[in-house]
C-alpha atoms as a PDB file:
ATOM      1  CA  MET A   1      -0.039   0.093  -0.316  1.00  0.00           C
ATOM      2  CA  THR A   2       2.558   2.261   0.968  1.00  0.00           C
ATOM      3  CA  SER A   3       4.420   1.737  -2.529  1.00  0.00           C
ATOM      4  CA  PHE A   4       1.234   2.204  -4.297  1.00  0.00           C
ATOM      5  CA  VAL A   5       0.748   5.610  -2.557  1.00  0.00           C
ATOM      6  CA  ARG A   6       4.443   6.446  -2.772  1.00  0.00           C
ATOM      7  CA  PHE A   7       4.192   5.570  -6.785  1.00  0.00           C
ATOM      8  CA  PHE A   8       0.812   7.295  -7.531  1.00  0.00           C
ATOM      9  CA  GLY A   9       2.437  10.825  -5.697  1.00  0.00           C
ATOM     10  CA  LEU A  10       5.266  10.759  -7.982  1.00  0.00           C
ATOM     11  CA  LYS A  11       3.288  10.615 -11.019  1.00  0.00           C
ATOM     12  CA  ALA A  12       0.732  13.637  -9.793  1.00  0.00           C
ATOM     13  CA  ILE A  13       3.495  15.893  -9.031  1.00  0.00           C
ATOM     14  CA  THR A  14       4.913  14.905 -12.452  1.00  0.00           C
ATOM     15  CA  ILE A  15       1.818  15.418 -14.824  1.00  0.00           C
ATOM     16  CA  SER A  16       1.493  18.523 -12.399  1.00  0.00           C
ATOM     17  CA  ALA A  17       4.824  19.582 -13.580  1.00  0.00           C
ATOM     18  CA  ALA A  18       4.156  18.781 -17.210  1.00  0.00           C
ATOM     19  CA  LEU A  19       0.753  20.880 -17.474  1.00  0.00           C
ATOM     20  CA  SER A  20       2.994  23.889 -15.937  1.00  0.00           C
ATOM     21  CA  MET A  21       5.652  23.982 -18.536  1.00  0.00           C
ATOM     22  CA  THR A  22       3.038  23.601 -20.927  1.00  0.00           C
ATOM     23  CA  ALA A  23       1.038  26.720 -20.158  1.00  0.00           C
ATOM     24  CA  GLY A  24       3.969  28.857 -19.653  1.00  0.00           C
ATOM     25  CA  LEU A  25       5.302  27.862 -23.076  1.00  0.00           C
ATOM     26  CA  ALA A  26       1.755  28.754 -24.632  1.00  0.00           C
ATOM     27  CA  PHE A  27       1.613  32.139 -22.856  1.00  0.00           C
ATOM     28  CA  ALA A  28       5.322  32.998 -23.946  1.00  0.00           C
ATOM     29  CA  GLY A  29       4.761  32.198 -27.311  1.00  0.00           C
ATOM     30  CA  ASP A  30       1.309  33.950 -27.952  1.00  0.00           C
ATOM     31  CA  ASN A  31       2.264  37.249 -26.078  1.00  0.00           C
ATOM     32  CA  ASN A  32       6.111  37.839 -26.716  1.00  0.00           C
ATOM     33  CA  PRO A  33       7.201  38.152 -30.242  1.00  0.00           C
ATOM     34  CA  SER A  34      10.820  37.753 -31.029  1.00  0.00           C
ATOM     35  CA  LYS A  35      13.445  40.520 -31.970  1.00  0.00           C
ATOM     36  CA  GLY A  36      13.335  38.879 -35.262  1.00  0.00           C
ATOM     37  CA  SER A  37       9.680  38.932 -36.125  1.00  0.00           C
ATOM     38  CA  ILE A  38       9.583  42.258 -34.744  1.00  0.00           C
ATOM     39  CA  VAL A  39      12.648  43.461 -37.535  1.00  0.00           C
ATOM     40  CA  ASP A  40      10.488  41.197 -40.219  1.00  0.00           C
ATOM     41  CA  ALA A  41       7.018  42.856 -39.547  1.00  0.00           C
ATOM     42  CA  LEU A  42       8.605  46.549 -39.442  1.00  0.00           C
ATOM     43  CA  LYS A  43      11.407  46.679 -42.237  1.00  0.00           C
ATOM     44  CA  ALA A  44      10.603  48.057 -45.765  1.00  0.00           C
ATOM     45  CA  PRO A  45       9.892  45.656 -48.620  1.00  0.00           C
ATOM     46  CA  PRO A  46      12.264  45.191 -51.343  1.00  0.00           C
ATOM     47  CA  LEU A  47      11.810  48.247 -54.049  1.00  0.00           C
ATOM     48  CA  THR A  48       9.747  47.585 -56.846  1.00  0.00           C
ATOM     49  CA  ARG A  49       8.921  50.724 -58.104  1.00  0.00           C
ATOM     50  CA  GLY A  50      11.527  53.457 -60.187  1.00  0.00           C
ATOM     51  CA  LEU A  51      13.724  56.141 -58.093  1.00  0.00           C
ATOM     52  CA  SER A  52      11.518  58.912 -58.767  1.00  0.00           C
ATOM     53  CA  VAL A  53      10.219  61.095 -55.715  1.00  0.00           C
ATOM     54  CA  ASP A  54       7.292  60.002 -54.452  1.00  0.00           C
ATOM     55  CA  PRO A  55       4.924  63.464 -53.746  1.00  0.00           C
ATOM     56  CA  GLN A  56       2.772  61.122 -50.853  1.00  0.00           C
ATOM     57  CA  ARG A  57       6.311  59.655 -49.080  1.00  0.00           C
ATOM     58  CA  ALA A  58       7.554  63.508 -49.325  1.00  0.00           C
ATOM     59  CA  ALA A  59       4.298  65.085 -47.657  1.00  0.00           C
ATOM     60  CA  ASP A  60       4.222  62.241 -45.011  1.00  0.00           C
ATOM     61  CA  SER A  61       7.998  62.719 -43.644  1.00  0.00           C
ATOM     62  CA  SER A  62       7.034  66.854 -43.826  1.00  0.00           C
ATOM     63  CA  PHE A  63       4.226  66.123 -41.339  1.00  0.00           C
ATOM     64  CA  ILE A  64       6.439  63.910 -39.543  1.00  0.00           C
ATOM     65  CA  ASN A  65       8.885  66.790 -39.117  1.00  0.00           C
ATOM     66  CA  THR A  66       6.047  68.408 -37.496  1.00  0.00           C
ATOM     67  CA  VAL A  67       5.159  66.351 -34.994  1.00  0.00           C
ATOM     68  CA  ARG A  68       8.755  65.015 -34.358  1.00  0.00           C
ATOM     69  CA  ASN A  69       9.589  65.569 -30.295  1.00  0.00           C
ATOM     70  CA  ARG A  70       6.476  67.351 -29.586  1.00  0.00           C
ATOM     71  CA  PRO A  71       4.860  66.249 -26.209  1.00  0.00           C
ATOM     72  CA  THR A  72       2.306  63.152 -26.609  1.00  0.00           C
ATOM     73  CA  ARG A  73      -0.376  65.739 -25.258  1.00  0.00           C
ATOM     74  CA  SER A  74       0.056  68.439 -27.519  1.00  0.00           C
ATOM     75  CA  LEU A  75      -1.344  66.557 -30.594  1.00  0.00           C
ATOM     76  CA  SER A  76      -4.697  67.881 -31.685  1.00  0.00           C
ATOM     77  CA  MET A  77      -6.948  65.324 -33.089  1.00  0.00           C
ATOM     78  CA  ASP A  78      -6.658  66.539 -36.815  1.00  0.00           C
ATOM     79  CA  GLU A  79      -3.095  65.681 -35.864  1.00  0.00           C
ATOM     80  CA  ARG A  80      -3.771  62.240 -34.140  1.00  0.00           C
ATOM     81  CA  ASN A  81      -5.932  61.330 -37.109  1.00  0.00           C
ATOM     82  CA  GLN A  82      -3.338  62.141 -39.714  1.00  0.00           C
ATOM     83  CA  ILE A  83      -1.137  59.895 -37.826  1.00  0.00           C
ATOM     84  CA  ASP A  84      -3.503  57.254 -38.099  1.00  0.00           C
ATOM     85  CA  ALA A  85      -4.226  57.940 -42.017  1.00  0.00           C
ATOM     86  CA  LEU A  86      -0.257  57.739 -42.484  1.00  0.00           C
ATOM     87  CA  ALA A  87       0.325  55.039 -40.711  1.00  0.00           C
ATOM     88  CA  ALA A  88      -2.590  52.818 -42.876  1.00  0.00           C
ATOM     89  CA  ASN A  89       0.097  51.481 -45.467  1.00  0.00           C
ATOM     90  CA  LYS A  90       3.382  51.636 -43.228  1.00  0.00           C
ATOM     91  CA  PRO A  91       4.917  48.609 -41.766  1.00  0.00           C
ATOM     92  CA  LYS A  92       3.593  47.931 -38.401  1.00  0.00           C
ATOM     93  CA  ILE A  93       2.947  45.614 -35.485  1.00  0.00           C
ATOM     94  CA  ASP A  94       1.031  45.177 -32.426  1.00  0.00           C
ATOM     95  CA  LEU A  95       2.709  44.316 -29.470  1.00  0.00           C
ATOM     96  CA  GLU A  96      -0.129  43.215 -26.381  1.00  0.00           C
ATOM     97  CA  ILE A  97       1.606  44.995 -23.579  1.00  0.00           C
ATOM     98  CA  ASN A  98       0.275  45.192 -20.052  1.00  0.00           C
ATOM     99  CA  PHE A  99       0.505  47.784 -17.856  1.00  0.00           C
ATOM    100  CA  ASP A 100       0.143  47.818 -13.934  1.00  0.00           C
ATOM    101  CA  TYR A 101      -3.704  48.293 -13.265  1.00  0.00           C
ATOM    102  CA  ASN A 102      -4.703  51.949 -14.030  1.00  0.00           C
ATOM    103  CA  SER A 103      -0.945  52.327 -14.575  1.00  0.00           C
ATOM    104  CA  ALA A 104       1.363  53.796 -17.129  1.00  0.00           C
ATOM    105  CA  SER A 105       3.962  51.289 -15.397  1.00  0.00           C
ATOM    106  CA  ILE A 106       4.828  48.620 -17.854  1.00  0.00           C
ATOM    107  CA  GLY A 107       3.965  45.209 -16.083  1.00  0.00           C
ATOM    108  CA  GLN A 108       6.533  42.560 -15.298  1.00  0.00           C
ATOM    109  CA  GLY A 109       5.297  39.984 -17.854  1.00  0.00           C
ATOM    110  CA  SER A 110       6.022  42.207 -20.215  1.00  0.00           C
ATOM    111  CA  MET A 111       9.069  43.355 -19.776  1.00  0.00           C
ATOM    112  CA  SER A 112      10.952  40.953 -22.330  1.00  0.00           C
ATOM    113  CA  ALA A 113       8.150  42.381 -24.999  1.00  0.00           C
ATOM    114  CA  VAL A 114       9.611  45.724 -24.460  1.00  0.00           C
ATOM    115  CA  GLN A 115      13.260  44.445 -24.395  1.00  0.00           C
ATOM    116  CA  HIS A 116      12.927  42.621 -27.420  1.00  0.00           C
ATOM    117  CA  LEU A 117      11.119  45.845 -28.909  1.00  0.00           C
ATOM    118  CA  GLY A 118      14.423  47.759 -28.344  1.00  0.00           C
ATOM    119  CA  GLU A 119      16.523  45.297 -29.723  1.00  0.00           C
ATOM    120  CA  ALA A 120      14.512  44.915 -32.924  1.00  0.00           C
ATOM    121  CA  LEU A 121      14.757  49.011 -33.398  1.00  0.00           C
ATOM    122  CA  SER A 122      18.377  48.948 -32.709  1.00  0.00           C
ATOM    123  CA  ASP A 123      18.995  46.368 -35.594  1.00  0.00           C
ATOM    124  CA  GLN A 124      20.997  47.881 -38.332  1.00  0.00           C
ATOM    125  CA  GLN A 125      17.892  46.861 -40.662  1.00  0.00           C
ATOM    126  CA  LEU A 126      15.868  49.702 -38.523  1.00  0.00           C
ATOM    127  CA  LYS A 127      18.396  51.761 -37.106  1.00  0.00           C
ATOM    128  CA  GLY A 128      17.899  55.214 -37.502  1.00  0.00           C
ATOM    129  CA  ALA A 129      14.607  55.349 -39.006  1.00  0.00           C
ATOM    130  CA  THR A 130      11.247  57.343 -37.596  1.00  0.00           C
ATOM    131  CA  PHE A 131       8.327  54.825 -35.571  1.00  0.00           C
ATOM    132  CA  ILE A 132       5.178  55.595 -34.123  1.00  0.00           C
ATOM    133  CA  VAL A 133       4.593  54.158 -31.037  1.00  0.00           C
ATOM    134  CA  SER A 134       0.776  54.582 -30.253  1.00  0.00           C
ATOM    135  CA  GLY A 135      -0.540  53.601 -27.414  1.00  0.00           C
ATOM    136  CA  TYR A 136      -4.394  51.984 -27.030  1.00  0.00           C
ATOM    137  CA  THR A 137      -6.626  51.473 -24.110  1.00  0.00           C
ATOM    138  CA  ASP A 138      -9.387  48.564 -23.544  1.00  0.00           C
ATOM    139  CA  GLY A 139     -13.468  49.625 -24.161  1.00  0.00           C
ATOM    140  CA  ILE A 140     -13.388  49.996 -19.792  1.00  0.00           C
ATOM    141  CA  GLY A 141     -13.814  53.494 -18.292  1.00  0.00           C
ATOM    142  CA  GLY A 142     -14.332  57.413 -19.543  1.00  0.00           C
ATOM    143  CA  ASP A 143     -12.961  58.759 -23.239  1.00  0.00           C
ATOM    144  CA  ALA A 144     -10.801  61.632 -20.978  1.00  0.00           C
ATOM    145  CA  PHE A 145      -9.774  58.843 -18.639  1.00  0.00           C
ATOM    146  CA  ASN A 146      -8.597  56.462 -21.376  1.00  0.00           C
ATOM    147  CA  GLN A 147      -6.838  59.630 -23.660  1.00  0.00           C
ATOM    148  CA  ASP A 148      -4.618  60.336 -21.183  1.00  0.00           C
ATOM    149  CA  LEU A 149      -3.890  57.016 -20.020  1.00  0.00           C
ATOM    150  CA  SER A 150      -3.126  55.718 -23.437  1.00  0.00           C
ATOM    151  CA  GLU A 151      -0.711  59.074 -24.015  1.00  0.00           C
ATOM    152  CA  ARG A 152       1.162  58.110 -20.957  1.00  0.00           C
ATOM    153  CA  ARG A 153       1.364  54.735 -21.875  1.00  0.00           C
ATOM    154  CA  ALA A 154       2.996  55.426 -25.152  1.00  0.00           C
ATOM    155  CA  ASP A 155       5.584  58.116 -23.517  1.00  0.00           C
ATOM    156  CA  THR A 156       6.342  55.088 -20.827  1.00  0.00           C
ATOM    157  CA  ILE A 157       7.412  52.614 -23.824  1.00  0.00           C
ATOM    158  CA  LYS A 158       9.529  55.857 -25.596  1.00  0.00           C
ATOM    159  CA  ARG A 159      10.966  56.407 -22.500  1.00  0.00           C
ATOM    160  CA  TYR A 160      12.121  53.262 -21.782  1.00  0.00           C
ATOM    161  CA  LEU A 161      14.035  52.807 -25.202  1.00  0.00           C
ATOM    162  CA  VAL A 162      15.568  55.953 -25.081  1.00  0.00           C
ATOM    163  CA  ASP A 163      16.645  55.102 -21.702  1.00  0.00           C
ATOM    164  CA  HIS A 164      17.725  51.842 -22.118  1.00  0.00           C
ATOM    165  CA  TYR A 165      18.345  50.984 -26.105  1.00  0.00           C
ATOM    166  CA  HIS A 166      19.753  54.719 -26.718  1.00  0.00           C
ATOM    167  CA  ILE A 167      17.480  54.933 -29.566  1.00  0.00           C
ATOM    168  CA  ALA A 168      17.014  59.035 -30.880  1.00  0.00           C
ATOM    169  CA  SER A 169      14.337  60.472 -28.829  1.00  0.00           C
ATOM    170  CA  GLY A 170      13.431  62.266 -31.980  1.00  0.00           C
ATOM    171  CA  ASP A 171      12.737  58.787 -33.991  1.00  0.00           C
ATOM    172  CA  LEU A 172      10.276  58.187 -31.942  1.00  0.00           C
ATOM    173  CA  VAL A 173       6.641  59.566 -32.127  1.00  0.00           C
ATOM    174  CA  THR A 174       4.336  58.928 -29.615  1.00  0.00           C
ATOM    175  CA  VAL A 175       0.339  59.192 -29.930  1.00  0.00           C
ATOM    176  CA  GLY A 176      -2.428  57.762 -27.760  1.00  0.00           C
ATOM    177  CA  TYR A 177      -5.602  56.652 -29.238  1.00  0.00           C
ATOM    178  CA  GLY A 178      -7.666  55.937 -25.796  1.00  0.00           C
ATOM    179  CA  LYS A 179     -10.576  53.840 -26.578  1.00  0.00           C
ATOM    180  CA  THR A 180     -11.356  54.714 -29.837  1.00  0.00           C
ATOM    181  CA  HIS A 181      -9.435  52.004 -31.750  1.00  0.00           C
ATOM    182  CA  LEU A 182     -10.671  49.104 -30.132  1.00  0.00           C
ATOM    183  CA  LYS A 183      -8.922  45.921 -31.878  1.00  0.00           C
ATOM    184  CA  ASP A 184     -11.999  43.808 -31.049  1.00  0.00           C
ATOM    185  CA  ALA A 185     -14.585  45.623 -30.722  1.00  0.00           C
ATOM    186  CA  GLU A 186     -17.261  43.118 -30.035  1.00  0.00           C
ATOM    187  CA  ASN A 187     -15.613  42.573 -26.907  1.00  0.00           C
ATOM    188  CA  PRO A 188     -14.338  46.023 -25.780  1.00  0.00           C
ATOM    189  CA  ALA A 189     -12.775  44.281 -22.130  1.00  0.00           C
ATOM    190  CA  ASP A 190     -10.257  41.778 -23.992  1.00  0.00           C
ATOM    191  CA  ALA A 191      -6.707  42.486 -23.454  1.00  0.00           C
ATOM    192  CA  ILE A 192      -6.234  42.415 -26.592  1.00  0.00           C
ATOM    193  CA  ASN A 193      -7.514  45.954 -27.050  1.00  0.00           C
ATOM    194  CA  ARG A 194      -4.425  47.280 -24.762  1.00  0.00           C
ATOM    195  CA  ARG A 195      -1.767  47.306 -26.675  1.00  0.00           C
ATOM    196  CA  VAL A 196       0.812  49.316 -28.196  1.00  0.00           C
ATOM    197  CA  GLN A 197       1.482  49.951 -31.865  1.00  0.00           C
ATOM    198  CA  VAL A 198       4.788  50.447 -33.620  1.00  0.00           C
ATOM    199  CA  VAL A 199       4.695  51.763 -37.367  1.00  0.00           C
ATOM    200  CA  ASN A 200       7.654  52.199 -39.682  1.00  0.00           C
ATOM    201  CA  THR A 201       6.916  55.704 -41.001  1.00  0.00           C
ATOM    202  CA  GLU A 202      10.111  55.430 -43.367  1.00  0.00           C
ATOM    203  CA  ALA A 203       9.067  52.406 -45.714  1.00  0.00           C
ATOM    204  CA  THR A 204       5.739  52.004 -47.528  1.00  0.00           C
ATOM    205  CA  ASN A 205       3.867  48.327 -47.291  1.00  0.00           C
ATOM    206  CA  THR A 206       3.549  47.988 -50.829  1.00  0.00           C
ATOM    207  CA  ALA A 207       2.130  45.007 -50.627  1.00  0.00           C
ATOM    208  CA  SER A 208      -1.082  46.790 -49.109  1.00  0.00           C
ATOM    209  CA  LYS A 209      -1.481  49.123 -52.319  1.00  0.00           C
END
């Protein structure tokens, strides 16, 4: 009887450990893109057009220069909308970054995702480009509160990238959209809505045209 109990106990411990490892791997794989996958998502596609000047690209660049180094909360609604339109055909990636409750502090579980972002933006394939860092919240709470929270969260990501990866402040344009751009509008409280989007402003995603 003693041997049976001992065997059963060891088997239960083994099964429990295996389940814990499986759950951990699934979580990490879903929410933590690697440096390489971020680089691939943001780098410019191969050029397929002539070398003539693209008027739209020149206009985009001129606009970005007007908001470069501006405080996030100073952007008007029209400027936020223009940034959103500019980002539509650019290479981008959404990162699910969890922040502490009602806070702009990065949650410990999301720190590696932010670190991978820093490594990617420091890569030679992306280094020196100008990126839009957009903050979004879920659909819970008031408009003004969420707008302010999204701006502070975008600022937090920018500050971390500047301080820890020495990315030039002027190469990161921050903007907040509060709860106005829900990724899953049918489930406004879903964590997928609490995200940061990074857009490479200096590349045109020709595949989307």
